Amino acid sequence: MIKIEVRYFATLRIDDKKKETLEIQEDISVESLLEQIGVALEDVAILLVNGIRTSPEYKLKDGDVMSLFPPVGGG
């Protein structure tokens, strides 16, 4: 098992949580973790791991910080 931190921004906040620490299985992809926590990949416009834009196939490592940003609308 590994520990990672997930940071939620704007409309992706779950129950008003800004961040949480999760204990997950090793060798899990970002996409799989999103499924587990109930966030649809298409709802994430910017996906960062440790401050670097990352693909959904990235395999998370112990101590990673994943940040999820929704699309921003405006006019």
PDB file of N, CA and C in Angstrom:
ATOM      1  N   MET A   1       0.837  -1.180   0.000  1.00  0.00           N
ATOM      2  CA  MET A   1       0.000   0.000   0.000  1.00  0.00           C
ATOM      3  C   MET A   1       0.890   1.256   0.000  1.00  0.00           C
ATOM      4  N   ILE A   2       0.394   2.278  -0.670  1.00  0.00           N
ATOM      5  CA  ILE A   2       1.085   3.566  -0.713  1.00  0.00           C
ATOM      6  C   ILE A   2       0.120   4.666  -0.290  1.00  0.00           C
ATOM      7  N   LYS A   3       0.674   5.810   0.102  1.00  0.00           N
ATOM      8  CA  LYS A   3      -0.158   6.950   0.469  1.00  0.00           C
ATOM      9  C   LYS A   3       0.066   8.070  -0.533  1.00  0.00           C
ATOM     10  N   ILE A   4      -1.046   8.666  -0.974  1.00  0.00           N
ATOM     11  CA  ILE A   4      -0.973   9.823  -1.853  1.00  0.00           C
ATOM     12  C   ILE A   4      -1.955  10.877  -1.338  1.00  0.00           C
ATOM     13  N   GLU A   5      -1.721  12.105  -1.769  1.00  0.00           N
ATOM     14  CA  GLU A   5      -2.644  13.184  -1.432  1.00  0.00           C
ATOM     15  C   GLU A   5      -3.375  13.586  -2.698  1.00  0.00           C
ATOM     16  N   VAL A   6      -4.690  13.757  -2.581  1.00  0.00           N
ATOM     17  CA  VAL A   6      -5.506  14.213  -3.701  1.00  0.00           C
ATOM     18  C   VAL A   6      -6.047  15.591  -3.323  1.00  0.00           C
ATOM     19  N   ARG A   7      -5.834  16.572  -4.211  1.00  0.00           N
ATOM     20  CA  ARG A   7      -6.331  17.931  -3.996  1.00  0.00           C
ATOM     21  C   ARG A   7      -7.410  18.216  -5.030  1.00  0.00           C
ATOM     22  N   TYR A   8      -8.542  18.673  -4.533  1.00  0.00           N
ATOM     23  CA  TYR A   8      -9.698  18.951  -5.384  1.00  0.00           C
ATOM     24  C   TYR A   8      -9.886  20.459  -5.510  1.00  0.00           C
ATOM     25  N   PHE A   9     -10.190  20.926  -6.707  1.00  0.00           N
ATOM     26  CA  PHE A   9     -10.397  22.348  -6.932  1.00  0.00           C
ATOM     27  C   PHE A   9     -11.774  22.608  -7.518  1.00  0.00           C
ATOM     28  N   ALA A  10     -12.366  23.736  -7.092  1.00  0.00           N
ATOM     29  CA  ALA A  10     -13.645  24.245  -7.605  1.00  0.00           C
ATOM     30  C   ALA A  10     -14.737  23.178  -7.536  1.00  0.00           C
ATOM     31  N   THR A  11     -15.353  22.884  -8.667  1.00  0.00           N
ATOM     32  CA  THR A  11     -16.512  21.993  -8.688  1.00  0.00           C
ATOM     33  C   THR A  11     -16.172  20.527  -8.449  1.00  0.00           C
ATOM     34  N   LEU A  12     -14.899  20.186  -8.415  1.00  0.00           N
ATOM     35  CA  LEU A  12     -14.517  18.788  -8.178  1.00  0.00           C
ATOM     36  C   LEU A  12     -14.397  18.451  -6.695  1.00  0.00           C
ATOM     37  N   ARG A  13     -14.613  19.423  -5.840  1.00  0.00           N
ATOM     38  CA  ARG A  13     -14.550  19.150  -4.403  1.00  0.00           C
ATOM     39  C   ARG A  13     -15.655  18.170  -4.025  1.00  0.00           C
ATOM     40  N   ILE A  14     -15.278  17.149  -3.292  1.00  0.00           N
ATOM     41  CA  ILE A  14     -16.207  16.123  -2.849  1.00  0.00           C
ATOM     42  C   ILE A  14     -16.571  16.426  -1.394  1.00  0.00           C
ATOM     43  N   ASP A  15     -17.847  16.648  -1.132  1.00  0.00           N
ATOM     44  CA  ASP A  15     -18.316  16.987   0.218  1.00  0.00           C
ATOM     45  C   ASP A  15     -17.527  18.159   0.811  1.00  0.00           C
ATOM     46  N   ASP A  16     -17.229  19.154  -0.023  1.00  0.00           N
ATOM     47  CA  ASP A  16     -16.474  20.341   0.384  1.00  0.00           C
ATOM     48  C   ASP A  16     -15.048  20.051   0.845  1.00  0.00           C
ATOM     49  N   LYS A  17     -14.540  18.855   0.532  1.00  0.00           N
ATOM     50  CA  LYS A  17     -13.154  18.517   0.872  1.00  0.00           C
ATOM     51  C   LYS A  17     -12.225  19.161  -0.139  1.00  0.00           C
ATOM     52  N   LYS A  18     -11.226  19.875   0.355  1.00  0.00           N
ATOM     53  CA  LYS A  18     -10.225  20.464  -0.536  1.00  0.00           C
ATOM     54  C   LYS A  18      -9.109  19.466  -0.836  1.00  0.00           C
ATOM     55  N   LYS A  19      -8.832  18.583   0.134  1.00  0.00           N
ATOM     56  CA  LYS A  19      -7.801  17.564  -0.080  1.00  0.00           C
ATOM     57  C   LYS A  19      -8.024  16.405   0.873  1.00  0.00           C
ATOM     58  N   GLU A  20      -7.436  15.280   0.506  1.00  0.00           N
ATOM     59  CA  GLU A  20      -7.484  14.108   1.372  1.00  0.00           C
ATOM     60  C   GLU A  20      -6.290  13.217   1.086  1.00  0.00           C
ATOM     61  N   THR A  21      -5.898  12.460   2.094  1.00  0.00           N
ATOM     62  CA  THR A  21      -4.828  11.487   1.940  1.00  0.00           C
ATOM     63  C   THR A  21      -5.469  10.118   1.799  1.00  0.00           C
ATOM     64  N   LEU A  22      -5.059   9.401   0.762  1.00  0.00           N
ATOM     65  CA  LEU A  22      -5.615   8.080   0.487  1.00  0.00           C
ATOM     66  C   LEU A  22      -4.525   7.028   0.573  1.00  0.00           C
ATOM     67  N   GLU A  23      -4.889   5.868   1.074  1.00  0.00           N
ATOM     68  CA  GLU A  23      -3.998   4.718   1.060  1.00  0.00           C
ATOM     69  C   GLU A  23      -4.511   3.794  -0.035  1.00  0.00           C
ATOM     70  N   ILE A  24      -3.686   3.558  -1.038  1.00  0.00           N
ATOM     71  CA  ILE A  24      -4.116   2.800  -2.217  1.00  0.00           C
ATOM     72  C   ILE A  24      -3.126   1.693  -2.537  1.00  0.00           C
ATOM     73  N   GLN A  25      -3.548   0.798  -3.423  1.00  0.00           N
ATOM     74  CA  GLN A  25      -2.674  -0.278  -3.888  1.00  0.00           C
ATOM     75  C   GLN A  25      -1.529   0.302  -4.728  1.00  0.00           C
ATOM     76  N   GLU A  26      -0.401  -0.349  -4.686  1.00  0.00           N
ATOM     77  CA  GLU A  26       0.713   0.049  -5.548  1.00  0.00           C
ATOM     78  C   GLU A  26       0.359  -0.220  -7.003  1.00  0.00           C
ATOM     79  N   ASP A  27       1.011   0.498  -7.898  1.00  0.00           N
ATOM     80  CA  ASP A  27       0.886   0.285  -9.335  1.00  0.00           C
ATOM     81  C   ASP A  27      -0.509   0.587  -9.878  1.00  0.00           C
ATOM     82  N   ILE A  28      -1.206   1.557  -9.274  1.00  0.00           N
ATOM     83  CA  ILE A  28      -2.517   1.960  -9.767  1.00  0.00           C
ATOM     84  C   ILE A  28      -2.347   3.220 -10.621  1.00  0.00           C
ATOM     85  N   SER A  29      -3.111   3.283 -11.693  1.00  0.00           N
ATOM     86  CA  SER A  29      -3.033   4.456 -12.564  1.00  0.00           C
ATOM     87  C   SER A  29      -3.934   5.564 -12.038  1.00  0.00           C
ATOM     88  N   VAL A  30      -3.646   6.782 -12.468  1.00  0.00           N
ATOM     89  CA  VAL A  30      -4.481   7.927 -12.123  1.00  0.00           C
ATOM     90  C   VAL A  30      -5.928   7.654 -12.542  1.00  0.00           C
ATOM     91  N   GLU A  31      -6.104   7.152 -13.748  1.00  0.00           N
ATOM     92  CA  GLU A  31      -7.449   6.887 -14.264  1.00  0.00           C
ATOM     93  C   GLU A  31      -8.218   5.903 -13.373  1.00  0.00           C
ATOM     94  N   SER A  32      -7.557   4.848 -12.928  1.00  0.00           N
ATOM     95  CA  SER A  32      -8.200   3.870 -12.043  1.00  0.00           C
ATOM     96  C   SER A  32      -8.570   4.494 -10.710  1.00  0.00           C
ATOM     97  N   LEU A  33      -7.688   5.335 -10.185  1.00  0.00           N
ATOM     98  CA  LEU A  33      -7.987   5.990  -8.920  1.00  0.00           C
ATOM     99  C   LEU A  33      -9.175   6.935  -9.067  1.00  0.00           C
ATOM    100  N   LEU A  34      -9.236   7.666 -10.172  1.00  0.00           N
ATOM    101  CA  LEU A  34     -10.376   8.553 -10.400  1.00  0.00           C
ATOM    102  C   LEU A  34     -11.686   7.772 -10.379  1.00  0.00           C
ATOM    103  N   GLU A  35     -11.688   6.600 -11.000  1.00  0.00           N
ATOM    104  CA  GLU A  35     -12.880   5.745 -10.981  1.00  0.00           C
ATOM    105  C   GLU A  35     -13.251   5.365  -9.552  1.00  0.00           C
ATOM    106  N   GLN A  36     -12.254   5.009  -8.765  1.00  0.00           N
ATOM    107  CA  GLN A  36     -12.495   4.575  -7.383  1.00  0.00           C
ATOM    108  C   GLN A  36     -13.067   5.694  -6.523  1.00  0.00           C
ATOM    109  N   ILE A  37     -12.640   6.939  -6.760  1.00  0.00           N
ATOM    110  CA  ILE A  37     -13.110   8.048  -5.920  1.00  0.00           C
ATOM    111  C   ILE A  37     -14.329   8.749  -6.523  1.00  0.00           C
ATOM    112  N   GLY A  38     -14.798   8.253  -7.671  1.00  0.00           N
ATOM    113  CA  GLY A  38     -16.035   8.758  -8.251  1.00  0.00           C
ATOM    114  C   GLY A  38     -15.904  10.059  -9.029  1.00  0.00           C
ATOM    115  N   VAL A  39     -14.734  10.304  -9.600  1.00  0.00           N
ATOM    116  CA  VAL A  39     -14.525  11.492 -10.435  1.00  0.00           C
ATOM    117  C   VAL A  39     -14.348  11.025 -11.880  1.00  0.00           C
ATOM    118  N   ALA A  40     -15.207  11.518 -12.762  1.00  0.00           N
ATOM    119  CA  ALA A  40     -15.129  11.135 -14.176  1.00  0.00           C
ATOM    120  C   ALA A  40     -13.938  11.843 -14.839  1.00  0.00           C
ATOM    121  N   LEU A  41     -13.183  11.106 -15.611  1.00  0.00           N
ATOM    122  CA  LEU A  41     -12.019  11.666 -16.292  1.00  0.00           C
ATOM    123  C   LEU A  41     -12.394  12.861 -17.161  1.00  0.00           C
ATOM    124  N   GLU A  42     -13.562  12.798 -17.800  1.00  0.00           N
ATOM    125  CA  GLU A  42     -13.975  13.911 -18.669  1.00  0.00           C
ATOM    126  C   GLU A  42     -14.312  15.178 -17.878  1.00  0.00           C
ATOM    127  N   ASP A  43     -14.472  15.061 -16.552  1.00  0.00           N
ATOM    128  CA  ASP A  43     -14.722  16.228 -15.703  1.00  0.00           C
ATOM    129  C   ASP A  43     -13.433  16.922 -15.253  1.00  0.00           C
ATOM    130  N   VAL A  44     -12.289  16.328 -15.587  1.00  0.00           N
ATOM    131  CA  VAL A  44     -10.992  16.880 -15.182  1.00  0.00           C
ATOM    132  C   VAL A  44     -10.322  17.516 -16.400  1.00  0.00           C
ATOM    133  N   ALA A  45     -10.151  18.832 -16.345  1.00  0.00           N
ATOM    134  CA  ALA A  45      -9.504  19.533 -17.466  1.00  0.00           C
ATOM    135  C   ALA A  45      -7.991  19.548 -17.311  1.00  0.00           C
ATOM    136  N   ILE A  46      -7.533  19.708 -16.075  1.00  0.00           N
ATOM    137  CA  ILE A  46      -6.091  19.728 -15.800  1.00  0.00           C
ATOM    138  C   ILE A  46      -5.816  18.716 -14.705  1.00  0.00           C
ATOM    139  N   LEU A  47      -4.872  17.838 -14.984  1.00  0.00           N
ATOM    140  CA  LEU A  47      -4.484  16.785 -14.061  1.00  0.00           C
ATOM    141  C   LEU A  47      -2.994  16.933 -13.791  1.00  0.00           C
ATOM    142  N   LEU A  48      -2.656  17.207 -12.538  1.00  0.00           N
ATOM    143  CA  LEU A  48      -1.258  17.367 -12.162  1.00  0.00           C
ATOM    144  C   LEU A  48      -0.881  16.317 -11.129  1.00  0.00           C
ATOM    145  N   VAL A  49       0.337  15.799 -11.240  1.00  0.00           N
ATOM    146  CA  VAL A  49       0.920  14.969 -10.190  1.00  0.00           C
ATOM    147  C   VAL A  49       2.248  15.616  -9.832  1.00  0.00           C
ATOM    148  N   ASN A  50       2.372  16.010  -8.588  1.00  0.00           N
ATOM    149  CA  ASN A  50       3.561  16.715  -8.100  1.00  0.00           C
ATOM    150  C   ASN A  50       3.829  17.987  -8.898  1.00  0.00           C
ATOM    151  N   GLY A  51       2.741  18.659  -9.297  1.00  0.00           N
ATOM    152  CA  GLY A  51       2.850  19.932  -9.997  1.00  0.00           C
ATOM    153  C   GLY A  51       3.152  19.835 -11.478  1.00  0.00           C
ATOM    154  N   ILE A  52       3.164  18.630 -12.026  1.00  0.00           N
ATOM    155  CA  ILE A  52       3.493  18.414 -13.433  1.00  0.00           C
ATOM    156  C   ILE A  52       2.279  17.810 -14.137  1.00  0.00           C
ATOM    157  N   ARG A  53       1.928  18.380 -15.291  1.00  0.00           N
ATOM    158  CA  ARG A  53       0.808  17.840 -16.071  1.00  0.00           C
ATOM    159  C   ARG A  53       1.091  16.376 -16.400  1.00  0.00           C
ATOM    160  N   THR A  54       0.104  15.535 -16.189  1.00  0.00           N
ATOM    161  CA  THR A  54       0.305  14.091 -16.240  1.00  0.00           C
ATOM    162  C   THR A  54      -0.810  13.424 -17.024  1.00  0.00           C
ATOM    163  N   SER A  55      -0.516  12.287 -17.622  1.00  0.00           N
ATOM    164  CA  SER A  55      -1.525  11.533 -18.367  1.00  0.00           C
ATOM    165  C   SER A  55      -2.302  10.631 -17.405  1.00  0.00           C
ATOM    166  N   PRO A  56      -3.510  10.238 -17.798  1.00  0.00           N
ATOM    167  CA  PRO A  56      -4.308   9.335 -16.958  1.00  0.00           C
ATOM    168  C   PRO A  56      -3.665   7.955 -16.754  1.00  0.00           C
ATOM    169  N   GLU A  57      -2.721   7.601 -17.613  1.00  0.00           N
ATOM    170  CA  GLU A  57      -2.063   6.294 -17.504  1.00  0.00           C
ATOM    171  C   GLU A  57      -0.928   6.284 -16.484  1.00  0.00           C
ATOM    172  N   TYR A  58      -0.552   7.448 -15.965  1.00  0.00           N
ATOM    173  CA  TYR A  58       0.552   7.550 -15.004  1.00  0.00           C
ATOM    174  C   TYR A  58       0.292   6.641 -13.809  1.00  0.00           C
ATOM    175  N   LYS A  59       1.305   5.875 -13.407  1.00  0.00           N
ATOM    176  CA  LYS A  59       1.203   4.996 -12.240  1.00  0.00           C
ATOM    177  C   LYS A  59       1.642   5.776 -11.004  1.00  0.00           C
ATOM    178  N   LEU A  60       0.740   5.905 -10.055  1.00  0.00           N
ATOM    179  CA  LEU A  60       1.016   6.682  -8.849  1.00  0.00           C
ATOM    180  C   LEU A  60       2.057   5.997  -7.970  1.00  0.00           C
ATOM    181  N   LYS A  61       2.850   6.846  -7.287  1.00  0.00           N
ATOM    182  CA  LYS A  61       3.913   6.369  -6.405  1.00  0.00           C
ATOM    183  C   LYS A  61       3.695   6.924  -5.007  1.00  0.00           C
ATOM    184  N   ASP A  62       4.274   6.281  -4.028  1.00  0.00           N
ATOM    185  CA  ASP A  62       4.141   6.709  -2.643  1.00  0.00           C
ATOM    186  C   ASP A  62       4.566   8.171  -2.492  1.00  0.00           C
ATOM    187  N   GLY A  63       3.721   8.961  -1.851  1.00  0.00           N
ATOM    188  CA  GLY A  63       4.031  10.363  -1.603  1.00  0.00           C
ATOM    189  C   GLY A  63       3.598  11.319  -2.700  1.00  0.00           C
ATOM    190  N   ASP A  64       3.051  10.809  -3.804  1.00  0.00           N
ATOM    191  CA  ASP A  64       2.591  11.687  -4.887  1.00  0.00           C
ATOM    192  C   ASP A  64       1.459  12.590  -4.402  1.00  0.00           C
ATOM    193  N   VAL A  65       1.388  13.783  -5.009  1.00  0.00           N
ATOM    194  CA  VAL A  65       0.297  14.724  -4.770  1.00  0.00           C
ATOM    195  C   VAL A  65      -0.407  14.932  -6.100  1.00  0.00           C
ATOM    196  N   MET A  66      -1.662  14.522  -6.173  1.00  0.00           N
ATOM    197  CA  MET A  66      -2.445  14.640  -7.400  1.00  0.00           C
ATOM    198  C   MET A  66      -3.435  15.782  -7.243  1.00  0.00           C
ATOM    199  N   SER A  67      -3.430  16.716  -8.204  1.00  0.00           N
ATOM    200  CA  SER A  67      -4.325  17.864  -8.194  1.00  0.00           C
ATOM    201  C   SER A  67      -5.281  17.787  -9.374  1.00  0.00           C
ATOM    202  N   LEU A  68      -6.575  18.003  -9.095  1.00  0.00           N
ATOM    203  CA  LEU A  68      -7.614  17.870 -10.097  1.00  0.00           C
ATOM    204  C   LEU A  68      -8.325  19.210 -10.295  1.00  0.00           C
ATOM    205  N   PHE A  69      -8.319  19.711 -11.538  1.00  0.00           N
ATOM    206  CA  PHE A  69      -8.957  20.974 -11.861  1.00  0.00           C
ATOM    207  C   PHE A  69     -10.045  20.742 -12.911  1.00  0.00           C
ATOM    208  N   PRO A  70     -11.239  21.305 -12.703  1.00  0.00           N
ATOM    209  CA  PRO A  70     -12.304  21.171 -13.699  1.00  0.00           C
ATOM    210  C   PRO A  70     -12.116  22.181 -14.827  1.00  0.00           C
ATOM    211  N   PRO A  71     -12.880  22.036 -15.917  1.00  0.00           N
ATOM    212  CA  PRO A  71     -12.855  23.067 -16.964  1.00  0.00           C
ATOM    213  C   PRO A  71     -13.379  24.381 -16.382  1.00  0.00           C
ATOM    214  N   VAL A  72     -12.863  25.477 -16.883  1.00  0.00           N
ATOM    215  CA  VAL A  72     -13.294  26.790 -16.408  1.00  0.00           C
ATOM    216  C   VAL A  72     -14.111  27.448 -17.503  1.00  0.00           C
ATOM    217  N   GLY A  73     -15.282  27.888 -17.145  1.00  0.00           N
ATOM    218  CA  GLY A  73     -16.145  28.576 -18.119  1.00  0.00           C
ATOM    219  C   GLY A  73     -16.177  30.050 -17.801  1.00  0.00           C
ATOM    220  N   GLY A  74     -16.643  30.799 -18.739  1.00  0.00           N
ATOM    221  CA  GLY A  74     -16.752  32.227 -18.502  1.00  0.00           C
ATOM    222  C   GLY A  74     -17.112  32.941 -19.785  1.00  0.00           C
ATOM    223  N   GLY A  75     -17.204  34.207 -19.664  1.00  0.00           N
ATOM    224  CA  GLY A  75     -17.591  34.929 -20.850  1.00  0.00           C
ATOM    225  C   GLY A  75     -17.069  36.324 -20.864  1.00  0.00           C
TER     226      GLY A  75
END
